[in-house]
Amino acid sequence: MTRNIVISGGGTGIGLAAAQAFAADGDRVLLLGRRAEVLEKAGVPGSLTCAADLTEPADVRRAAELVARELGTVDVLVHSAGGAGGQHPPAGDDPLERVAHTWSDNFRLNTLTAALLTEALKDRLAEPGGRVLFLSSIAAYRGSGDGAYAASKAALHPYAHDLARELGPRGITVNVVAPGYVEDTEFFGAGPAPERRAQLIAETSTGRAGTPGDVAATLHWLASPGAGHITSQVIQVNGGAERGH
């Protein structure tokens, strides 16, 4: 049976890998992202695309209207949009202005995008059988240096737990996947320095970096009928790195 899949951040990295996995099943996929040209180049067979800034309610509303018009019901909602905020701090030397920018930017990118899109599409989730899947991070457990990115990802956990309780009676599950270091994404730009990459891999028990496919496979499984009694969980995909070495 063909399902309707909505994926934010679906043009690159983990979001794109997830889109390809669902499309391979014959599902109909809608890719959301800020950059129209990236979505168009994604090349996911049969996919729809919608360029939208999901931190803006008006853009989210426009995306929701497209969903209503083209899909009707959403079987699986995957939140892959996000990133390390605060990369372009305001001019000037005021340290509190910089802190305010970094924290608010991270929460807008990683928390607000997920909350706005979920609330806009919540009533369109298939029942029973609907799935909501959030992308968190190992940073939610281990910190991220300045705390802002980690906190913005950790904030998704209680939101997912609340949603799981709210949506459970409708037969809808809500889960979180928390990756560790994943290569071939835009998170590190051109990639971490060789020393940093070696350190991140050394922290794993598997001795390798994660791939977008590793995370996509977990998302795909959580969206399957076999995971129908799994909800309000945070699944870590990091090769054991969260446990430390």
Protein backbone atom coordinates (compact mmCIF):
# COMPACT_ATOMS: atom_id res chain seq x y z
CA MET A 1 0.00 0.00 0.00
CA THR A 2 1.42 3.38 -1.00
CA ARG A 3 1.96 5.72 1.92
CA ASN A 4 2.38 9.50 2.05
CA ILE A 5 5.68 10.57 3.57
CA VAL A 6 6.62 14.15 4.52
CA ILE A 7 10.31 14.82 5.22
CA SER A 8 11.72 18.15 6.32
CA GLY A 9 15.34 18.73 5.38
CA GLY A 10 14.76 16.15 2.67
CA GLY A 11 17.19 17.47 0.10
CA THR A 12 20.47 16.36 1.67
CA GLY A 13 22.08 14.02 4.17
CA ILE A 14 19.88 11.95 6.46
CA GLY A 15 16.65 13.43 5.13
CA LEU A 16 17.56 12.54 1.57
CA ALA A 17 18.62 9.02 2.54
CA ALA A 18 15.30 8.54 4.32
CA ALA A 19 13.42 9.85 1.28
CA GLN A 20 15.23 7.38 -0.96
CA ALA A 21 14.41 4.49 1.40
CA PHE A 22 10.70 5.29 1.44
CA ALA A 23 10.58 5.97 -2.30
CA ALA A 24 12.17 2.55 -2.90
CA ASP A 25 9.04 1.06 -1.28
CA GLY A 26 6.87 2.93 -3.75
CA ASP A 27 5.76 5.49 -1.18
CA ARG A 28 4.93 9.04 -2.23
CA VAL A 29 7.39 11.50 -0.69
CA LEU A 30 7.13 15.25 -0.14
CA LEU A 31 10.51 16.92 0.44
CA LEU A 32 10.57 20.16 2.42
CA GLY A 33 13.57 22.47 2.72
CA ARG A 34 14.69 26.07 2.46
CA ARG A 35 16.50 25.74 -0.88
CA ALA A 36 14.38 24.96 -3.92
CA GLU A 37 17.40 24.12 -6.08
CA VAL A 38 18.63 21.51 -3.60
CA LEU A 39 15.22 19.85 -3.42
CA GLU A 40 14.95 19.77 -7.20
CA LYS A 41 18.38 18.14 -7.53
CA ALA A 42 17.60 15.48 -4.93
CA GLY A 43 16.26 13.19 -7.64
CA VAL A 44 13.94 11.12 -5.45
CA PRO A 45 11.65 9.20 -7.85
CA GLY A 46 8.08 10.46 -7.87
CA SER A 47 8.69 13.00 -5.11
CA LEU A 48 7.01 16.34 -4.59
CA THR A 49 9.01 19.31 -3.34
CA CYS A 50 8.17 22.48 -1.45
CA ALA A 51 10.68 25.19 -0.60
CA ALA A 52 9.81 26.61 2.80
CA ASP A 53 11.51 28.17 5.80
CA LEU A 54 10.00 26.06 8.56
CA THR A 55 10.90 28.60 11.23
CA GLU A 56 8.25 30.89 9.71
CA PRO A 57 4.58 30.14 10.47
CA ALA A 58 3.45 31.52 7.09
CA ASP A 59 5.78 29.13 5.23
CA VAL A 60 4.68 26.20 7.39
CA ARG A 61 1.05 27.07 6.70
CA ARG A 62 1.77 27.13 2.97
CA ALA A 63 3.45 23.71 3.18
CA ALA A 64 0.47 22.35 5.13
CA GLU A 65 -1.89 23.64 2.46
CA LEU A 66 0.15 21.79 -0.17
CA VAL A 67 -0.09 18.62 1.90
CA ALA A 68 -3.85 19.02 2.17
CA ARG A 69 -4.17 19.60 -1.56
CA GLU A 70 -1.77 16.95 -2.89
CA LEU A 71 -1.62 14.23 -0.23
CA GLY A 72 -4.54 14.60 2.11
CA THR A 73 -3.30 12.21 4.77
CA VAL A 74 0.25 11.96 6.16
CA ASP A 75 1.34 8.44 7.05
CA VAL A 76 4.88 9.31 8.14
CA LEU A 77 6.29 12.69 9.20
CA VAL A 78 10.09 12.84 9.46
CA HIS A 79 11.78 15.89 10.97
CA SER A 80 15.28 16.06 9.52
CA ALA A 81 15.58 19.84 9.15
CA GLY A 82 18.03 21.56 11.47
CA GLY A 83 21.70 22.20 12.04
CA ALA A 84 24.20 24.04 14.18
CA GLY A 85 22.82 27.54 14.67
CA GLY A 86 24.67 30.69 15.60
CA GLN A 87 27.17 30.40 12.78
CA HIS A 88 26.78 34.07 11.81
CA PRO A 89 26.63 36.06 15.06
CA PRO A 90 25.66 39.73 15.09
CA ALA A 91 28.33 42.37 14.58
CA GLY A 92 29.76 43.90 17.71
CA ASP A 93 31.44 42.71 20.86
CA ASP A 94 28.48 42.39 23.24
CA PRO A 95 28.86 38.85 24.63
CA LEU A 96 25.23 38.61 25.76
CA GLU A 97 24.00 39.56 22.28
CA ARG A 98 26.07 36.70 20.91
CA VAL A 99 24.71 34.28 23.47
CA ALA A 100 21.14 35.36 22.71
CA HIS A 101 21.75 34.90 18.99
CA THR A 102 23.33 31.45 19.34
CA TRP A 103 20.65 30.05 21.61
CA SER A 104 17.67 31.52 19.79
CA ASP A 105 19.08 30.47 16.40
CA ASN A 106 19.61 26.89 17.52
CA PHE A 107 16.14 26.60 18.98
CA ARG A 108 14.57 28.10 15.86
CA LEU A 109 16.43 25.68 13.57
CA ASN A 110 16.10 22.49 15.58
CA THR A 111 13.10 22.83 17.87
CA LEU A 112 10.73 25.39 16.42
CA THR A 113 10.85 23.88 12.91
CA ALA A 114 9.78 20.50 14.28
CA ALA A 115 7.09 21.92 16.55
CA LEU A 116 5.52 24.16 13.91
CA LEU A 117 5.40 21.47 11.23
CA THR A 118 4.05 18.86 13.63
CA GLU A 119 1.29 21.10 14.91
CA ALA A 120 0.37 22.13 11.35
CA LEU A 121 0.04 18.50 10.20
CA LYS A 122 -1.07 16.78 13.41
CA ASP A 123 -4.70 16.51 12.36
CA ARG A 124 -3.71 14.98 9.00
CA LEU A 125 -1.76 12.06 10.46
CA ALA A 126 -3.16 8.68 9.44
CA GLU A 127 -5.07 6.89 12.15
CA PRO A 128 -4.32 4.25 12.99
CA GLY A 129 -0.77 3.75 11.78
CA GLY A 130 0.59 7.30 11.61
CA ARG A 131 4.22 7.90 12.53
CA VAL A 132 6.06 11.01 13.76
CA LEU A 133 9.86 10.76 13.79
CA PHE A 134 12.23 13.39 15.16
CA LEU A 135 15.98 13.69 14.60
CA SER A 136 17.85 14.48 17.81
CA SER A 137 21.59 14.05 18.40
CA ILE A 138 24.16 12.39 20.60
CA ALA A 139 24.81 15.96 21.74
CA ALA A 140 21.54 15.84 23.68
CA TYR A 141 23.31 13.38 26.00
CA ARG A 142 26.89 14.61 25.87
CA GLY A 143 26.69 18.36 25.23
CA SER A 144 27.82 20.34 22.23
CA GLY A 145 30.46 22.75 23.47
CA ASP A 146 28.34 25.83 24.07
CA GLY A 147 25.24 23.92 25.11
CA ALA A 148 22.87 25.62 22.68
CA TYR A 149 22.73 22.98 19.94
CA ALA A 150 22.55 20.14 22.47
CA ALA A 151 19.74 21.83 24.37
CA SER A 152 17.74 22.48 21.22
CA LYS A 153 17.93 18.80 20.29
CA ALA A 154 17.24 17.60 23.84
CA ALA A 155 14.10 19.75 23.85
CA LEU A 156 12.62 17.42 21.24
CA HIS A 157 12.60 14.53 23.70
CA PRO A 158 9.90 15.79 26.11
CA TYR A 159 7.91 17.14 23.17
CA ALA A 160 7.95 13.65 21.62
CA HIS A 161 6.90 12.07 24.92
CA ASP A 162 3.97 14.49 25.25
CA LEU A 163 2.92 13.86 21.64
CA ALA A 164 3.13 10.11 22.12
CA ARG A 165 0.66 10.33 24.98
CA GLU A 166 -1.60 12.68 23.04
CA LEU A 167 -1.59 10.77 19.76
CA GLY A 168 -1.41 7.22 21.08
CA PRO A 169 -5.19 6.85 21.38
CA ARG A 170 -5.40 7.59 17.65
CA GLY A 171 -3.01 4.72 16.88
CA ILE A 172 -0.12 7.07 16.08
CA THR A 173 3.42 6.51 17.38
CA VAL A 174 6.03 9.17 18.08
CA ASN A 175 9.74 8.40 18.37
CA VAL A 176 13.12 10.10 18.28
CA VAL A 177 16.34 8.98 16.61
CA ALA A 178 19.57 10.41 18.00
CA PRO A 179 22.55 9.94 15.65
CA GLY A 180 26.20 10.32 16.53
CA TYR A 181 28.86 11.41 14.05
CA VAL A 182 27.47 10.91 10.55
CA GLU A 183 29.55 11.54 7.44
CA ASP A 184 28.27 12.85 4.10
CA THR A 185 25.97 15.47 5.57
CA GLU A 186 26.20 19.26 5.60
CA PHE A 187 26.51 19.46 9.39
CA PHE A 188 30.30 19.83 9.39
CA GLY A 189 30.45 21.74 6.12
CA ALA A 190 33.39 20.33 4.20
CA GLY A 191 33.96 17.90 7.06
CA PRO A 192 35.73 17.98 10.43
CA ALA A 193 39.50 18.29 10.65
CA PRO A 194 41.26 14.91 10.26
CA GLU A 195 42.18 14.86 13.96
CA ARG A 196 38.61 15.57 15.01
CA ARG A 197 37.25 12.93 12.63
CA ALA A 198 39.66 10.34 14.02
CA GLN A 199 38.59 11.23 17.56
CA LEU A 200 34.90 10.89 16.74
CA ILE A 201 35.42 7.49 15.15
CA ALA A 202 37.63 6.33 18.03
CA GLU A 203 34.76 7.03 20.43
CA THR A 204 32.61 4.37 18.74
CA SER A 205 32.60 0.66 19.54
CA THR A 206 32.18 -0.17 15.86
CA GLY A 207 35.29 1.70 14.72
CA ARG A 208 33.60 3.64 11.93
CA ALA A 209 31.66 6.79 11.20
CA GLY A 210 27.91 6.63 10.79
CA THR A 211 26.30 7.07 7.40
CA PRO A 212 23.01 8.70 6.41
CA GLY A 213 21.86 5.21 5.44
CA ASP A 214 22.37 3.95 9.00
CA VAL A 215 19.97 6.55 10.34
CA ALA A 216 17.55 6.26 7.42
CA ALA A 217 17.26 2.51 8.00
CA THR A 218 16.30 3.12 11.63
CA LEU A 219 13.70 5.72 10.63
CA HIS A 220 12.35 3.34 7.99
CA TRP A 221 12.00 0.55 10.55
CA LEU A 222 10.28 2.80 13.10
CA ALA A 223 7.78 3.68 10.38
CA SER A 224 7.07 0.02 9.63
CA PRO A 225 4.13 -2.05 10.91
CA GLY A 226 6.62 -4.11 12.92
CA ALA A 227 7.37 -1.09 15.11
CA GLY A 228 3.72 -0.35 15.80
CA HIS A 229 4.02 -0.87 19.58
CA ILE A 230 7.14 1.26 19.94
CA THR A 231 6.46 4.84 20.96
CA SER A 232 7.89 7.60 23.16
CA GLN A 233 11.41 6.20 22.68
CA VAL A 234 14.77 7.78 21.86
CA ILE A 235 16.79 5.41 19.69
CA GLN A 236 20.51 6.11 19.61
CA VAL A 237 22.39 5.40 16.38
CA ASN A 238 26.00 6.18 17.20
CA GLY A 239 28.02 2.98 17.25
CA GLY A 240 28.11 3.05 21.03
CA ALA A 241 29.84 6.43 21.18
CA GLU A 242 27.39 7.81 23.76
CA ARG A 243 28.72 5.26 26.25
CA GLY A 244 32.24 6.62 25.89
CA HIS A 245 35.64 4.99 25.47
